[in-house]
């Protein structure tokens, strides 16, 4: 399922914004482009990260929240449509447009994340 759980994958952090970290440059492609998440059922979700620590996503419905780096993991806390106070973290995979990797959603489903051109 590439819905809410998949959007939270990249791929629900601590209740703050991004940290000022030299590792933030690893996220530059995500700031400039779109993270496309495809679930095992073929559903596609899209996610956009902002430098100020916020994210927006759209799958079956729109969602938004905050993200934060925690070590080598990228963590998300959903704020809308339903606040989920428990952070969801996933290892950060470096790359640019065309980079794809396999992951698991917050619900444990297999997904494929790809950095696609444009916002």
PDB file of N, CA and C in Angstrom:
ATOM      1  N   UNK A   1       0.848  -1.165   0.000  1.00  0.00           N
ATOM      2  CA  UNK A   1       0.000   0.000   0.000  1.00  0.00           C
ATOM      3  C   UNK A   1       0.897   1.231   0.000  1.00  0.00           C
ATOM      4  N   UNK A   2       0.721   2.103  -0.965  1.00  0.00           N
ATOM      5  CA  UNK A   2       1.581   3.268  -1.086  1.00  0.00           C
ATOM      6  C   UNK A   2       0.908   4.502  -0.523  1.00  0.00           C
ATOM      7  N   UNK A   3       0.001   4.359   0.386  1.00  0.00           N
ATOM      8  CA  UNK A   3      -0.701   5.496   0.948  1.00  0.00           C
ATOM      9  C   UNK A   3       0.095   6.161   2.041  1.00  0.00           C
ATOM     10  N   UNK A   4      -0.566   6.476   3.112  1.00  0.00           N
ATOM     11  CA  UNK A   4       0.025   7.202   4.228  1.00  0.00           C
ATOM     12  C   UNK A   4       1.308   6.555   4.720  1.00  0.00           C
ATOM     13  N   UNK A   5       1.300   5.267   4.954  1.00  0.00           N
ATOM     14  CA  UNK A   5       2.494   4.591   5.457  1.00  0.00           C
ATOM     15  C   UNK A   5       3.665   4.737   4.518  1.00  0.00           C
ATOM     16  N   UNK A   6       3.420   4.664   3.223  1.00  0.00           N
ATOM     17  CA  UNK A   6       4.500   4.793   2.255  1.00  0.00           C
ATOM     18  C   UNK A   6       5.025   6.216   2.211  1.00  0.00           C
ATOM     19  N   UNK A   7       4.144   7.172   2.286  1.00  0.00           N
ATOM     20  CA  UNK A   7       4.598   8.557   2.267  1.00  0.00           C
ATOM     21  C   UNK A   7       5.512   8.822   3.450  1.00  0.00           C
ATOM     22  N   UNK A   8       5.246   8.203   4.553  1.00  0.00           N
ATOM     23  CA  UNK A   8       6.053   8.430   5.738  1.00  0.00           C
ATOM     24  C   UNK A   8       7.390   7.724   5.680  1.00  0.00           C
ATOM     25  N   UNK A   9       7.630   6.940   4.631  1.00  0.00           N
ATOM     26  CA  UNK A   9       8.821   6.121   4.622  1.00  0.00           C
ATOM     27  C   UNK A   9      10.112   6.840   4.371  1.00  0.00           C
ATOM     28  N   UNK A  10      10.201   7.712   3.483  1.00  0.00           N
ATOM     29  CA  UNK A  10      11.552   8.140   3.081  1.00  0.00           C
ATOM     30  C   UNK A  10      12.448   8.445   4.194  1.00  0.00           C
ATOM     31  N   UNK A  11      10.092   5.599   1.915  1.00  0.00           N
ATOM     32  CA  UNK A  11      10.712   5.759   2.386  1.00  0.00           C
ATOM     33  C   UNK A  11       9.160   5.125   2.912  1.00  0.00           C
ATOM     34  N   UNK A  12       6.563   8.870  10.633  1.00  0.00           N
ATOM     35  CA  UNK A  12       5.898   9.885  11.362  1.00  0.00           C
ATOM     36  C   UNK A  12       6.983  10.287  12.272  1.00  0.00           C
ATOM     37  N   UNK A  13       9.884  11.976  13.455  1.00  0.00           N
ATOM     38  CA  UNK A  13      10.944  12.660  13.970  1.00  0.00           C
ATOM     39  C   UNK A  13      10.441  13.331  15.162  1.00  0.00           C
ATOM     40  N   UNK A  14      11.105  13.713  15.535  1.00  0.00           N
ATOM     41  CA  UNK A  14      10.951  14.472  16.739  1.00  0.00           C
ATOM     42  C   UNK A  14      10.112  15.675  16.368  1.00  0.00           C
ATOM     43  N   UNK A  15       9.396  16.211  17.313  1.00  0.00           N
ATOM     44  CA  UNK A  15       8.454  17.272  16.978  1.00  0.00           C
ATOM     45  C   UNK A  15       9.169  18.589  16.771  1.00  0.00           C
ATOM     46  N   UNK A  16      10.051  18.657  15.877  1.00  0.00           N
ATOM     47  CA  UNK A  16      10.736  19.891  15.548  1.00  0.00           C
ATOM     48  C   UNK A  16      11.040  19.887  14.083  1.00  0.00           C
ATOM     49  N   UNK A  17      11.812  20.840  13.655  1.00  0.00           N
ATOM     50  CA  UNK A  17      12.163  20.921  12.252  1.00  0.00           C
ATOM     51  C   UNK A  17      13.492  20.274  11.993  1.00  0.00           C
ATOM     52  N   UNK A  18      14.054  20.644  10.877  1.00  0.00           N
ATOM     53  CA  UNK A  18      15.332  20.083  10.457  1.00  0.00           C
ATOM     54  C   UNK A  18      16.434  20.575  11.371  1.00  0.00           C
ATOM     55  N   UNK A  19      17.515  19.835  11.423  1.00  0.00           N
ATOM     56  CA  UNK A  19      18.659  20.270  12.202  1.00  0.00           C
ATOM     57  C   UNK A  19      19.669  20.907  11.267  1.00  0.00           C
ATOM     58  N   UNK A  20      20.467  21.816  11.787  1.00  0.00           N
ATOM     59  CA  UNK A  20      21.516  22.445  11.000  1.00  0.00           C
ATOM     60  C   UNK A  20      22.710  21.511  11.044  1.00  0.00           C
ATOM     61  N   UNK A  21      22.928  20.770   9.983  1.00  0.00           N
ATOM     62  CA  UNK A  21      23.892  19.689   9.964  1.00  0.00           C
ATOM     63  C   UNK A  21      24.566  19.659   8.606  1.00  0.00           C
ATOM     64  N   UNK A  22      25.886  19.480   8.571  1.00  0.00           N
ATOM     65  CA  UNK A  22      26.552  19.388   7.278  1.00  0.00           C
ATOM     66  C   UNK A  22      25.981  18.259   6.424  1.00  0.00           C
ATOM     67  N   UNK A  23      25.409  17.233   7.054  1.00  0.00           N
ATOM     68  CA  UNK A  23      24.811  16.128   6.322  1.00  0.00           C
ATOM     69  C   UNK A  23      23.574  16.525   5.538  1.00  0.00           C
ATOM     70  N   UNK A  24      23.070  17.733   5.796  1.00  0.00           N
ATOM     71  CA  UNK A  24      21.888  18.207   5.089  1.00  0.00           C
ATOM     72  C   UNK A  24      22.130  18.265   3.591  1.00  0.00           C
ATOM     73  N   UNK A  25      23.377  18.419   3.170  1.00  0.00           N
ATOM     74  CA  UNK A  25      23.650  18.464   1.730  1.00  0.00           C
ATOM     75  C   UNK A  25      23.241  17.152   1.071  1.00  0.00           C
ATOM     76  N   UNK A  26      23.217  16.068   1.831  1.00  0.00           N
ATOM     77  CA  UNK A  26      22.766  14.786   1.279  1.00  0.00           C
ATOM     78  C   UNK A  26      21.299  14.843   0.880  1.00  0.00           C
ATOM     79  N   UNK A  27      20.551  15.776   1.467  1.00  0.00           N
ATOM     80  CA  UNK A  27      19.127  15.900   1.172  1.00  0.00           C
ATOM     81  C   UNK A  27      18.835  16.854   0.021  1.00  0.00           C
ATOM     82  N   UNK A  28      19.848  17.506  -0.496  1.00  0.00           N
ATOM     83  CA  UNK A  28      19.631  18.517  -1.535  1.00  0.00           C
ATOM     84  C   UNK A  28      18.758  18.012  -2.692  1.00  0.00           C
ATOM     85  N   UNK A  29      18.989  16.808  -3.228  1.00  0.00           N
ATOM     86  CA  UNK A  29      18.104  16.342  -4.304  1.00  0.00           C
ATOM     87  C   UNK A  29      16.639  16.249  -3.871  1.00  0.00           C
ATOM     88  N   UNK A  30      16.392  15.893  -2.629  1.00  0.00           N
ATOM     89  CA  UNK A  30      15.011  15.803  -2.146  1.00  0.00           C
ATOM     90  C   UNK A  30      14.382  17.186  -2.023  1.00  0.00           C
ATOM     91  N   UNK A  31      15.180  18.210  -1.755  1.00  0.00           N
ATOM     92  CA  UNK A  31      14.649  19.570  -1.687  1.00  0.00           C
ATOM     93  C   UNK A  31      14.283  20.085  -3.076  1.00  0.00           C
ATOM     94  N   UNK A  32      15.031  19.676  -4.080  1.00  0.00           N
ATOM     95  CA  UNK A  32      14.831  20.175  -5.443  1.00  0.00           C
ATOM     96  C   UNK A  32      13.862  19.334  -6.265  1.00  0.00           C
ATOM     97  N   UNK A  33      13.625  18.100  -5.840  1.00  0.00           N
ATOM     98  CA  UNK A  33      12.833  17.184  -6.656  1.00  0.00           C
ATOM     99  C   UNK A  33      11.739  16.511  -5.837  1.00  0.00           C
ATOM    100  N   UNK A  34      11.174  15.458  -6.384  1.00  0.00           N
ATOM    101  CA  UNK A  34      10.055  14.740  -5.774  1.00  0.00           C
ATOM    102  C   UNK A  34      10.487  13.338  -5.382  1.00  0.00           C
ATOM    103  N   UNK A  35      10.042  12.889  -4.242  1.00  0.00           N
ATOM    104  CA  UNK A  35      10.240  11.497  -3.840  1.00  0.00           C
ATOM    105  C   UNK A  35       8.971  10.751  -4.234  1.00  0.00           C
ATOM    106  N   UNK A  36       9.119   9.793  -5.126  1.00  0.00           N
ATOM    107  CA  UNK A  36       7.976   9.004  -5.581  1.00  0.00           C
ATOM    108  C   UNK A  36       8.039   7.635  -4.922  1.00  0.00           C
ATOM    109  N   UNK A  37       6.967   7.259  -4.268  1.00  0.00           N
ATOM    110  CA  UNK A  37       6.914   6.006  -3.529  1.00  0.00           C
ATOM    111  C   UNK A  37       5.887   5.102  -4.198  1.00  0.00           C
ATOM    112  N   UNK A  38       6.315   3.914  -4.608  1.00  0.00           N
ATOM    113  CA  UNK A  38       5.419   2.961  -5.257  1.00  0.00           C
ATOM    114  C   UNK A  38       5.269   1.740  -4.356  1.00  0.00           C
ATOM    115  N   UNK A  39       4.030   1.436  -4.022  1.00  0.00           N
ATOM    116  CA  UNK A  39       3.754   0.294  -3.160  1.00  0.00           C
ATOM    117  C   UNK A  39       3.706  -1.005  -3.943  1.00  0.00           C
ATOM    118  N   UNK A  40       3.710  -2.111  -3.239  1.00  0.00           N
ATOM    119  CA  UNK A  40       3.663  -3.420  -3.891  1.00  0.00           C
ATOM    120  C   UNK A  40       2.361  -3.617  -4.662  1.00  0.00           C
ATOM    121  N   UNK A  41       1.332  -2.837  -4.335  1.00  0.00           N
ATOM    122  CA  UNK A  41       0.061  -2.907  -5.054  1.00  0.00           C
ATOM    123  C   UNK A  41       0.020  -1.968  -6.257  1.00  0.00           C
ATOM    124  N   UNK A  42       1.134  -1.260  -6.521  1.00  0.00           N
ATOM    125  CA  UNK A  42       1.217  -0.363  -7.675  1.00  0.00           C
ATOM    126  C   UNK A  42       0.781   1.064  -7.402  1.00  0.00           C
ATOM    127  N   UNK A  43       0.245   1.329  -6.237  1.00  0.00           N
ATOM    128  CA  UNK A  43      -0.165   2.708  -5.921  1.00  0.00           C
ATOM    129  C   UNK A  43       1.059   3.594  -5.796  1.00  0.00           C
ATOM    130  N   UNK A  44       0.900   4.830  -6.264  1.00  0.00           N
ATOM    131  CA  UNK A  44       2.009   5.779  -6.245  1.00  0.00           C
ATOM    132  C   UNK A  44       1.662   6.949  -5.337  1.00  0.00           C
ATOM    133  N   UNK A  45       2.608   7.319  -4.487  1.00  0.00           N
ATOM    134  CA  UNK A  45       2.502   8.499  -3.627  1.00  0.00           C
ATOM    135  C   UNK A  45       3.678   9.403  -3.953  1.00  0.00           C
ATOM    136  N   UNK A  46       3.525  10.673  -3.661  1.00  0.00           N
ATOM    137  CA  UNK A  46       4.617  11.620  -3.877  1.00  0.00           C
ATOM    138  C   UNK A  46       4.834  12.425  -2.606  1.00  0.00           C
ATOM    139  N   UNK A  47       6.098  12.804  -2.397  1.00  0.00           N
ATOM    140  CA  UNK A  47       6.463  13.526  -1.182  1.00  0.00           C
ATOM    141  C   UNK A  47       7.460  14.619  -1.531  1.00  0.00           C
ATOM    142  N   UNK A  48       7.320  15.772  -0.856  1.00  0.00           N
ATOM    143  CA  UNK A  48       8.207  16.907  -1.070  1.00  0.00           C
ATOM    144  C   UNK A  48       8.740  17.383   0.271  1.00  0.00           C
ATOM    145  N   UNK A  49      10.056  17.465   0.378  1.00  0.00           N
ATOM    146  CA  UNK A  49      10.696  17.949   1.604  1.00  0.00           C
ATOM    147  C   UNK A  49      11.052  19.417   1.439  1.00  0.00           C
ATOM    148  N   UNK A  50      10.843  20.210   2.471  1.00  0.00           N
ATOM    149  CA  UNK A  50      11.245  21.614   2.493  1.00  0.00           C
ATOM    150  C   UNK A  50      12.407  21.775   3.462  1.00  0.00           C
ATOM    151  N   UNK A  51      13.285  22.728   3.153  1.00  0.00           N
ATOM    152  CA  UNK A  51      14.479  22.959   3.976  1.00  0.00           C
ATOM    153  C   UNK A  51      14.151  23.363   5.412  1.00  0.00           C
ATOM    154  N   UNK A  52      12.966  23.923   5.629  1.00  0.00           N
ATOM    155  CA  UNK A  52      12.606  24.397   6.970  1.00  0.00           C
ATOM    156  C   UNK A  52      12.132  23.277   7.895  1.00  0.00           C
ATOM    157  N   UNK A  53      12.216  22.027   7.437  1.00  0.00           N
ATOM    158  CA  UNK A  53      11.842  20.908   8.285  1.00  0.00           C
ATOM    159  C   UNK A  53      10.418  20.427   8.108  1.00  0.00           C
ATOM    160  N   UNK A  54       9.719  20.959   7.120  1.00  0.00           N
ATOM    161  CA  UNK A  54       8.356  20.503   6.853  1.00  0.00           C
ATOM    162  C   UNK A  54       8.340  19.600   5.621  1.00  0.00           C
ATOM    163  N   UNK A  55       7.306  18.777   5.514  1.00  0.00           N
ATOM    164  CA  UNK A  55       7.103  17.983   4.305  1.00  0.00           C
ATOM    165  C   UNK A  55       5.630  17.991   3.935  1.00  0.00           C
ATOM    166  N   UNK A  56       5.377  17.718   2.666  1.00  0.00           N
ATOM    167  CA  UNK A  56       4.023  17.542   2.143  1.00  0.00           C
ATOM    168  C   UNK A  56       4.018  16.236   1.373  1.00  0.00           C
ATOM    169  N   UNK A  57       2.908  15.568   1.386  1.00  0.00           N
ATOM    170  CA  UNK A  57       2.796  14.328   0.646  1.00  0.00           C
ATOM    171  C   UNK A  57       1.415  14.183   0.051  1.00  0.00           C
ATOM    172  N   UNK A  58       1.336  13.394  -1.010  1.00  0.00           N
ATOM    173  CA  UNK A  58       0.039  13.115  -1.604  1.00  0.00           C
ATOM    174  C   UNK A  58       0.024  11.686  -2.108  1.00  0.00           C
ATOM    175  N   UNK A  59      -0.891  10.918  -1.577  1.00  0.00           N
ATOM    176  CA  UNK A  59      -1.112   9.541  -2.001  1.00  0.00           C
ATOM    177  C   UNK A  59      -2.602   9.401  -2.220  1.00  0.00           C
ATOM    178  N   UNK A  60      -3.241   8.577  -1.417  1.00  0.00           N
ATOM    179  CA  UNK A  60      -4.705   8.502  -1.479  1.00  0.00           C
ATOM    180  C   UNK A  60      -5.318   9.810  -0.995  1.00  0.00           C
ATOM    181  N   UNK A  61      -4.596  10.493  -0.128  1.00  0.00           N
ATOM    182  CA  UNK A  61      -5.018  11.818   0.327  1.00  0.00           C
ATOM    183  C   UNK A  61      -3.765  12.602   0.712  1.00  0.00           C
ATOM    184  N   UNK A  62      -3.940  13.895   0.890  1.00  0.00           N
ATOM    185  CA  UNK A  62      -2.808  14.758   1.238  1.00  0.00           C
ATOM    186  C   UNK A  62      -2.419  14.553   2.696  1.00  0.00           C
ATOM    187  N   UNK A  63      -1.137  14.714   2.967  1.00  0.00           N
ATOM    188  CA  UNK A  63      -0.646  14.668   4.343  1.00  0.00           C
ATOM    189  C   UNK A  63       0.487  15.674   4.470  1.00  0.00           C
ATOM    190  N   UNK A  64       0.811  16.016   5.698  1.00  0.00           N
ATOM    191  CA  UNK A  64       1.922  16.936   5.934  1.00  0.00           C
ATOM    192  C   UNK A  64       2.411  16.747   7.361  1.00  0.00           C
ATOM    193  N   UNK A  65       3.597  17.260   7.595  1.00  0.00           N
ATOM    194  CA  UNK A  65       4.183  17.149   8.920  1.00  0.00           C
ATOM    195  C   UNK A  65       5.577  17.722   8.937  1.00  0.00           C
ATOM    196  N   UNK A  66       6.403  17.206   9.830  1.00  0.00           N
ATOM    197  CA  UNK A  66       7.775  17.686   9.965  1.00  0.00           C
ATOM    198  C   UNK A  66       8.740  16.513   9.810  1.00  0.00           C
ATOM    199  N   UNK A  67       9.962  16.837   9.388  1.00  0.00           N
ATOM    200  CA  UNK A  67      11.004  15.825   9.271  1.00  0.00           C
ATOM    201  C   UNK A  67      12.239  16.310  10.015  1.00  0.00           C
ATOM    202  N   UNK A  68      13.116  15.367  10.322  1.00  0.00           N
ATOM    203  CA  UNK A  68      14.353  15.694  11.027  1.00  0.00           C
ATOM    204  C   UNK A  68      15.365  14.582  10.778  1.00  0.00           C
ATOM    205  N   UNK A  69      16.627  14.947  10.703  1.00  0.00           N
ATOM    206  CA  UNK A  69      17.689  13.951  10.618  1.00  0.00           C
ATOM    207  C   UNK A  69      18.010  13.485  12.032  1.00  0.00           C
ATOM    208  N   UNK A  70      18.172  12.185  12.191  1.00  0.00           N
ATOM    209  CA  UNK A  70      18.604  11.614  13.465  1.00  0.00           C
ATOM    210  C   UNK A  70      19.709  10.613  13.103  1.00  0.00           C
ATOM    211  N   UNK A  71      20.955  11.054  13.247  1.00  0.00           N
ATOM    212  CA  UNK A  71      22.074  10.228  12.798  1.00  0.00           C
ATOM    213  C   UNK A  71      22.015  10.075  11.286  1.00  0.00           C
ATOM    214  N   UNK A  72      22.024   8.842  10.811  1.00  0.00           N
ATOM    215  CA  UNK A  72      21.926   8.569   9.375  1.00  0.00           C
ATOM    216  C   UNK A  72      20.504   8.234   8.949  1.00  0.00           C
ATOM    217  N   UNK A  73      19.547   8.566   9.797  1.00  0.00           N
ATOM    218  CA  UNK A  73      18.157   8.286   9.465  1.00  0.00           C
ATOM    219  C   UNK A  73      17.383   9.579   9.238  1.00  0.00           C
ATOM    220  N   UNK A  74      16.410   9.487   8.363  1.00  0.00           N
ATOM    221  CA  UNK A  74      15.487  10.575   8.108  1.00  0.00           C
ATOM    222  C   UNK A  74      14.184  10.191   8.797  1.00  0.00           C
ATOM    223  N   UNK A  75      13.715  11.069   9.690  1.00  0.00           N
ATOM    224  CA  UNK A  75      12.545  10.754  10.508  1.00  0.00           C
ATOM    225  C   UNK A  75      11.410  11.725  10.216  1.00  0.00           C
ATOM    226  N   UNK A  76      10.184  11.215  10.259  1.00  0.00           N
ATOM    227  CA  UNK A  76       8.995  12.000   9.945  1.00  0.00           C
ATOM    228  C   UNK A  76       7.983  11.906  11.073  1.00  0.00           C
ATOM    229  N   UNK A  77       7.313  13.019  11.335  1.00  0.00           N
ATOM    230  CA  UNK A  77       6.180  13.038  12.251  1.00  0.00           C
ATOM    231  C   UNK A  77       5.023  13.675  11.498  1.00  0.00           C
ATOM    232  N   UNK A  78       3.966  12.918  11.297  1.00  0.00           N
ATOM    233  CA  UNK A  78       2.810  13.441  10.568  1.00  0.00           C
ATOM    234  C   UNK A  78       2.000  14.363  11.468  1.00  0.00           C
ATOM    235  N   UNK A  79       1.563  15.485  10.895  1.00  0.00           N
ATOM    236  CA  UNK A  79       0.711  16.436  11.619  1.00  0.00           C
ATOM    237  C   UNK A  79      -0.712  16.458  11.059  1.00  0.00           C
ATOM    238  N   UNK A  80      -0.855  16.249   9.748  1.00  0.00           N
ATOM    239  CA  UNK A  80      -2.157  16.273   9.081  1.00  0.00           C
ATOM    240  C   UNK A  80      -2.239  15.142   8.079  1.00  0.00           C
ATOM    241  N   UNK A  81      -3.379  14.534   7.834  1.00  0.00           N
ATOM    242  CA  UNK A  81      -4.695  14.916   8.332  1.00  0.00           C
ATOM    243  C   UNK A  81      -4.938  14.453   9.768  1.00  0.00           C
ATOM    244  N   UNK A  82      -4.228  13.422  10.197  1.00  0.00           N
ATOM    245  CA  UNK A  82      -4.372  12.925  11.566  1.00  0.00           C
ATOM    246  C   UNK A  82      -3.001  12.986  12.226  1.00  0.00           C
ATOM    247  N   UNK A  83      -2.844  13.731  13.318  1.00  0.00           N
ATOM    248  CA  UNK A  83      -1.541  13.778  13.987  1.00  0.00           C
ATOM    249  C   UNK A  83      -1.119  12.387  14.477  1.00  0.00           C
ATOM    250  N   UNK A  84       0.100  12.014  14.140  1.00  0.00           N
ATOM    251  CA  UNK A  84       0.677  10.753  14.611  1.00  0.00           C
ATOM    252  C   UNK A  84       1.929  11.129  15.393  1.00  0.00           C
ATOM    253  N   UNK A  85       1.876  11.071  16.723  1.00  0.00           N
ATOM    254  CA  UNK A  85       2.985  11.558  17.541  1.00  0.00           C
ATOM    255  C   UNK A  85       4.232  10.676  17.524  1.00  0.00           C
ATOM    256  N   UNK A  86       4.104   9.449  17.054  1.00  0.00           N
ATOM    257  CA  UNK A  86       5.244   8.536  17.040  1.00  0.00           C
ATOM    258  C   UNK A  86       6.047   8.753  15.761  1.00  0.00           C
ATOM    259  N   UNK A  87       7.333   9.059  15.885  1.00  0.00           N
ATOM    260  CA  UNK A  87       8.134   9.289  14.676  1.00  0.00           C
ATOM    261  C   UNK A  87       8.384   7.994  13.912  1.00  0.00           C
ATOM    262  N   UNK A  88       8.456   8.121  12.605  1.00  0.00           N
ATOM    263  CA  UNK A  88       8.838   7.002  11.740  1.00  0.00           C
ATOM    264  C   UNK A  88      10.168   7.370  11.110  1.00  0.00           C
ATOM    265  N   UNK A  89      11.172   6.519  11.263  1.00  0.00           N
ATOM    266  CA  UNK A  89      12.513   6.793  10.740  1.00  0.00           C
ATOM    267  C   UNK A  89      12.915   5.724   9.738  1.00  0.00           C
ATOM    268  N   UNK A  90      13.681   6.136   8.749  1.00  0.00           N
ATOM    269  CA  UNK A  90      14.181   5.222   7.734  1.00  0.00           C
ATOM    270  C   UNK A  90      15.600   5.644   7.361  1.00  0.00           C
ATOM    271  N   UNK A  91      16.466   4.702   7.015  1.00  0.00           N
ATOM    272  CA  UNK A  91      17.825   5.080   6.607  1.00  0.00           C
ATOM    273  C   UNK A  91      17.788   6.013   5.400  1.00  0.00           C
ATOM    274  N   UNK A  92      18.672   6.981   5.395  1.00  0.00           N
ATOM    275  CA  UNK A  92      18.771   7.918   4.288  1.00  0.00           C
ATOM    276  C   UNK A  92      19.639   7.302   3.199  1.00  0.00           C
ATOM    277  N   UNK A  93      19.113   7.258   1.988  1.00  0.00           N
ATOM    278  CA  UNK A  93      19.863   6.766   0.831  1.00  0.00           C
ATOM    279  C   UNK A  93      20.244   7.977  -0.002  1.00  0.00           C
ATOM    280  N   UNK A  94      21.537   8.137  -0.256  1.00  0.00           N
ATOM    281  CA  UNK A  94      22.003   9.282  -1.026  1.00  0.00           C
ATOM    282  C   UNK A  94      21.838   9.021  -2.510  1.00  0.00           C
ATOM    283  N   UNK A  95      21.582  10.082  -3.267  1.00  0.00           N
ATOM    284  CA  UNK A  95      21.469   9.958  -4.706  1.00  0.00           C
ATOM    285  C   UNK A  95      20.831  11.191  -5.297  1.00  0.00           C
ATOM    286  N   UNK A  96      20.598  11.133  -6.597  1.00  0.00           N
ATOM    287  CA  UNK A  96      19.988  12.243  -7.320  1.00  0.00           C
ATOM    288  C   UNK A  96      18.865  11.675  -8.176  1.00  0.00           C
ATOM    289  N   UNK A  97      18.378  12.461  -9.125  1.00  0.00           N
ATOM    290  CA  UNK A  97      17.283  12.030  -9.981  1.00  0.00           C
ATOM    291  C   UNK A  97      17.603  10.658 -10.577  1.00  0.00           C
ATOM    292  N   UNK A  98      16.652   9.754 -10.474  1.00  0.00           N
ATOM    293  CA  UNK A  98      16.818   8.402 -10.994  1.00  0.00           C
ATOM    294  C   UNK A  98      17.245   7.387  -9.952  1.00  0.00           C
ATOM    295  N   UNK A  99      17.719   7.850  -8.804  1.00  0.00           N
ATOM    296  CA  UNK A  99      18.111   6.919  -7.739  1.00  0.00           C
ATOM    297  C   UNK A  99      16.862   6.226  -7.202  1.00  0.00           C
ATOM    298  N   UNK A 100      16.932   4.901  -7.101  1.00  0.00           N
ATOM    299  CA  UNK A 100      15.810   4.092  -6.594  1.00  0.00           C
ATOM    300  C   UNK A 100      16.327   3.163  -5.514  1.00  0.00           C
ATOM    301  N   UNK A 101      15.493   2.899  -4.536  1.00  0.00           N
ATOM    302  CA  UNK A 101      15.865   1.921  -3.523  1.00  0.00           C
ATOM    303  C   UNK A 101      14.614   1.273  -2.941  1.00  0.00           C
ATOM    304  N   UNK A 102      14.813   0.081  -2.414  1.00  0.00           N
ATOM    305  CA  UNK A 102      13.734  -0.666  -1.770  1.00  0.00           C
ATOM    306  C   UNK A 102      13.705  -0.319  -0.290  1.00  0.00           C
ATOM    307  N   UNK A 103      12.507  -0.274   0.251  1.00  0.00           N
ATOM    308  CA  UNK A 103      12.340   0.037   1.673  1.00  0.00           C
ATOM    309  C   UNK A 103      11.043  -0.605   2.150  1.00  0.00           C
ATOM    310  N   UNK A 104      10.721  -0.335   3.387  1.00  0.00           N
ATOM    311  CA  UNK A 104       9.444  -0.775   3.957  1.00  0.00           C
ATOM    312  C   UNK A 104       8.716   0.454   4.486  1.00  0.00           C
ATOM    313  N   UNK A 105       7.419   0.445   4.319  1.00  0.00           N
ATOM    314  CA  UNK A 105       6.598   1.550   4.808  1.00  0.00           C
ATOM    315  C   UNK A 105       6.439   1.443   6.321  1.00  0.00           C
ATOM    316  N   UNK A 106       5.791   2.432   6.897  1.00  0.00           N
ATOM    317  CA  UNK A 106       5.535   2.425   8.340  1.00  0.00           C
ATOM    318  C   UNK A 106       4.668   1.232   8.736  1.00  0.00           C
ATOM    319  N   UNK A 107       3.915   0.697   7.781  1.00  0.00           N
ATOM    320  CA  UNK A 107       3.062  -0.459   8.060  1.00  0.00           C
ATOM    321  C   UNK A 107       3.743  -1.782   7.723  1.00  0.00           C
ATOM    322  N   UNK A 108       5.003  -1.720   7.252  1.00  0.00           N
ATOM    323  CA  UNK A 108       5.755  -2.933   6.952  1.00  0.00           C
ATOM    324  C   UNK A 108       5.671  -3.409   5.517  1.00  0.00           C
ATOM    325  N   UNK A 109       4.899  -2.717   4.676  1.00  0.00           N
ATOM    326  CA  UNK A 109       4.782  -3.102   3.271  1.00  0.00           C
ATOM    327  C   UNK A 109       6.063  -2.788   2.512  1.00  0.00           C
ATOM    328  N   UNK A 110       6.358  -3.604   1.504  1.00  0.00           N
ATOM    329  CA  UNK A 110       7.509  -3.338   0.639  1.00  0.00           C
ATOM    330  C   UNK A 110       7.151  -2.199  -0.305  1.00  0.00           C
ATOM    331  N   UNK A 111       8.091  -1.261  -0.456  1.00  0.00           N
ATOM    332  CA  UNK A 111       7.894  -0.129  -1.357  1.00  0.00           C
ATOM    333  C   UNK A 111       9.185   0.142  -2.115  1.00  0.00           C
ATOM    334  N   UNK A 112       9.065   0.905  -3.195  1.00  0.00           N
ATOM    335  CA  UNK A 112      10.219   1.391  -3.943  1.00  0.00           C
ATOM    336  C   UNK A 112      10.148   2.909  -3.906  1.00  0.00           C
ATOM    337  N   UNK A 113      11.251   3.540  -3.521  1.00  0.00           N
ATOM    338  CA  UNK A 113      11.333   4.998  -3.484  1.00  0.00           C
ATOM    339  C   UNK A 113      12.245   5.430  -4.617  1.00  0.00           C
ATOM    340  N   UNK A 114      11.846   6.467  -5.342  1.00  0.00           N
ATOM    341  CA  UNK A 114      12.661   6.991  -6.436  1.00  0.00           C
ATOM    342  C   UNK A 114      12.654   8.512  -6.382  1.00  0.00           C
ATOM    343  N   UNK A 115      13.806   9.101  -6.658  1.00  0.00           N
ATOM    344  CA  UNK A 115      13.890  10.555  -6.784  1.00  0.00           C
ATOM    345  C   UNK A 115      13.559  10.879  -8.233  1.00  0.00           C
ATOM    346  N   UNK A 116      12.467  11.626  -8.448  1.00  0.00           N
ATOM    347  CA  UNK A 116      12.051  11.991  -9.803  1.00  0.00           C
ATOM    348  C   UNK A 116      12.168  13.501  -9.987  1.00  0.00           C
ATOM    349  N   UNK A 117      12.448  13.895 -11.220  1.00  0.00           N
ATOM    350  CA  UNK A 117      12.700  15.298 -11.549  1.00  0.00           C
ATOM    351  C   UNK A 117      11.479  16.180 -11.282  1.00  0.00           C
ATOM    352  N   UNK A 118      11.759  17.361 -10.748  1.00  0.00           N
ATOM    353  CA  UNK A 118      10.738  18.389 -10.569  1.00  0.00           C
ATOM    354  C   UNK A 118      10.012  18.317  -9.243  1.00  0.00           C
ATOM    355  N   UNK A 119       9.281  19.405  -8.991  1.00  0.00           N
ATOM    356  CA  UNK A 119       8.468  19.489  -7.773  1.00  0.00           C
ATOM    357  C   UNK A 119       7.066  19.660  -8.219  1.00  0.00           C
TER     358      UNK A 119
END
